[in-house]
Amino acid sequence: ELEELNNNPEVRERVMELLREHYRQWPHEKLPSLDGQTPLQAVKTKDGREKVEAVLRDFELRNSYDNLLTDPAIFAELRERLGLKKKQD
């Protein structure tokens, strides 16, 4: 039943919209993993940029392993917004 729901184009599009909105707001959220700073605050220092990059890599890995519906372009948009460049594999 869950697989059928996940394969429904309307459901997939709605989930994608919700994920996009979540990740658009994410740079403004204070995170314990960033010592209570927002990603936008943290990227102002070398140590903070490294921490934010680690969180983004974790998001991407989870997305690929869990077969989530997140569009990889969302992460590219986040990196651009935060002034980060994706490291080549």
Protein backbone atom coordinates (compact mmCIF):
# COMPACT_ATOMS: atom_id res chain seq x y z
CA GLU A 1 0.00 0.00 0.00
CA LEU A 2 2.83 2.40 0.86
CA GLU A 3 4.67 1.56 -2.37
CA GLU A 4 1.52 2.22 -4.37
CA LEU A 5 1.09 5.56 -2.61
CA ASN A 6 4.75 6.49 -3.26
CA ASN A 7 4.33 5.70 -6.95
CA ASN A 8 1.32 7.99 -7.32
CA PRO A 9 2.51 11.04 -9.36
CA GLU A 10 0.28 13.45 -7.44
CA VAL A 11 1.58 12.20 -4.09
CA ARG A 12 5.19 12.32 -5.30
CA GLU A 13 4.77 15.92 -6.48
CA ARG A 14 3.19 17.01 -3.20
CA VAL A 15 5.95 15.34 -1.18
CA MET A 16 8.55 17.03 -3.40
CA GLU A 17 6.90 20.42 -2.80
CA LEU A 18 6.97 19.86 0.97
CA LEU A 19 10.62 18.83 0.86
CA ARG A 20 11.55 21.87 -1.22
CA GLU A 21 9.84 24.15 1.27
CA HIS A 22 11.55 22.41 4.19
CA TYR A 23 14.99 22.82 2.64
CA ARG A 24 14.30 26.44 1.71
CA GLN A 25 13.60 27.20 5.38
CA TRP A 26 16.44 25.00 6.69
CA PRO A 27 19.23 27.62 6.33
CA HIS A 28 17.34 29.78 8.88
CA GLU A 29 16.96 27.06 11.52
CA LYS A 30 19.23 26.98 14.56
CA LEU A 31 20.82 23.54 14.72
CA PRO A 32 22.48 21.77 17.65
CA SER A 33 24.98 20.25 15.24
CA LEU A 34 26.07 23.80 14.37
CA ASP A 35 26.40 24.86 18.01
CA GLY A 36 23.01 26.56 17.95
CA GLN A 37 23.74 28.59 14.83
CA THR A 38 21.77 28.63 11.62
CA PRO A 39 23.52 27.29 8.51
CA LEU A 40 23.58 30.88 7.19
CA GLN A 41 25.45 31.99 10.30
CA ALA A 42 27.75 28.97 10.41
CA VAL A 43 29.07 29.31 6.85
CA LYS A 44 30.75 32.58 7.82
CA THR A 45 33.66 30.66 9.36
CA LYS A 46 35.87 27.89 7.99
CA ASP A 47 34.86 25.48 10.76
CA GLY A 48 31.18 26.34 10.25
CA ARG A 49 31.40 25.79 6.48
CA GLU A 50 32.91 22.37 7.09
CA LYS A 51 30.11 21.46 9.51
CA VAL A 52 27.39 22.66 7.13
CA GLU A 53 29.01 20.76 4.27
CA ALA A 54 29.05 17.61 6.41
CA VAL A 55 25.34 18.00 7.14
CA LEU A 56 24.57 18.48 3.44
CA ARG A 57 26.61 15.39 2.51
CA ASP A 58 24.66 13.45 5.12
CA PHE A 59 21.38 14.65 3.59
CA GLU A 60 22.54 13.53 0.15
CA LEU A 61 23.74 10.13 1.35
CA ARG A 62 20.50 9.46 3.19
CA ASN A 63 18.58 10.53 0.11
CA SER A 64 20.48 8.09 -2.12
CA TYR A 65 20.41 5.15 0.33
CA ASP A 66 16.81 5.58 1.41
CA ASN A 67 15.54 6.12 -2.14
CA LEU A 68 13.76 9.28 -1.02
CA LEU A 69 11.89 11.57 -3.34
CA THR A 70 14.21 14.54 -2.83
CA ASP A 71 15.37 16.15 -6.05
CA PRO A 72 19.19 16.47 -6.04
CA ALA A 73 18.73 20.00 -7.39
CA ILE A 74 17.45 20.98 -3.95
CA PHE A 75 20.89 20.31 -2.48
CA ALA A 76 22.58 22.21 -5.29
CA GLU A 77 20.27 25.14 -4.56
CA LEU A 78 21.15 24.95 -0.85
CA ARG A 79 24.88 24.96 -1.58
CA GLU A 80 24.52 27.95 -3.90
CA ARG A 81 22.44 29.82 -1.35
CA LEU A 82 25.01 29.10 1.35
CA GLY A 83 27.97 29.95 -0.86
CA LEU A 84 29.29 26.38 -0.86
CA LYS A 85 30.54 24.39 -3.80
CA LYS A 86 30.05 20.66 -4.06
CA LYS A 87 33.34 18.81 -3.89
CA GLN A 88 34.04 16.48 -6.76
CA ASP A 89 33.87 12.79 -5.84
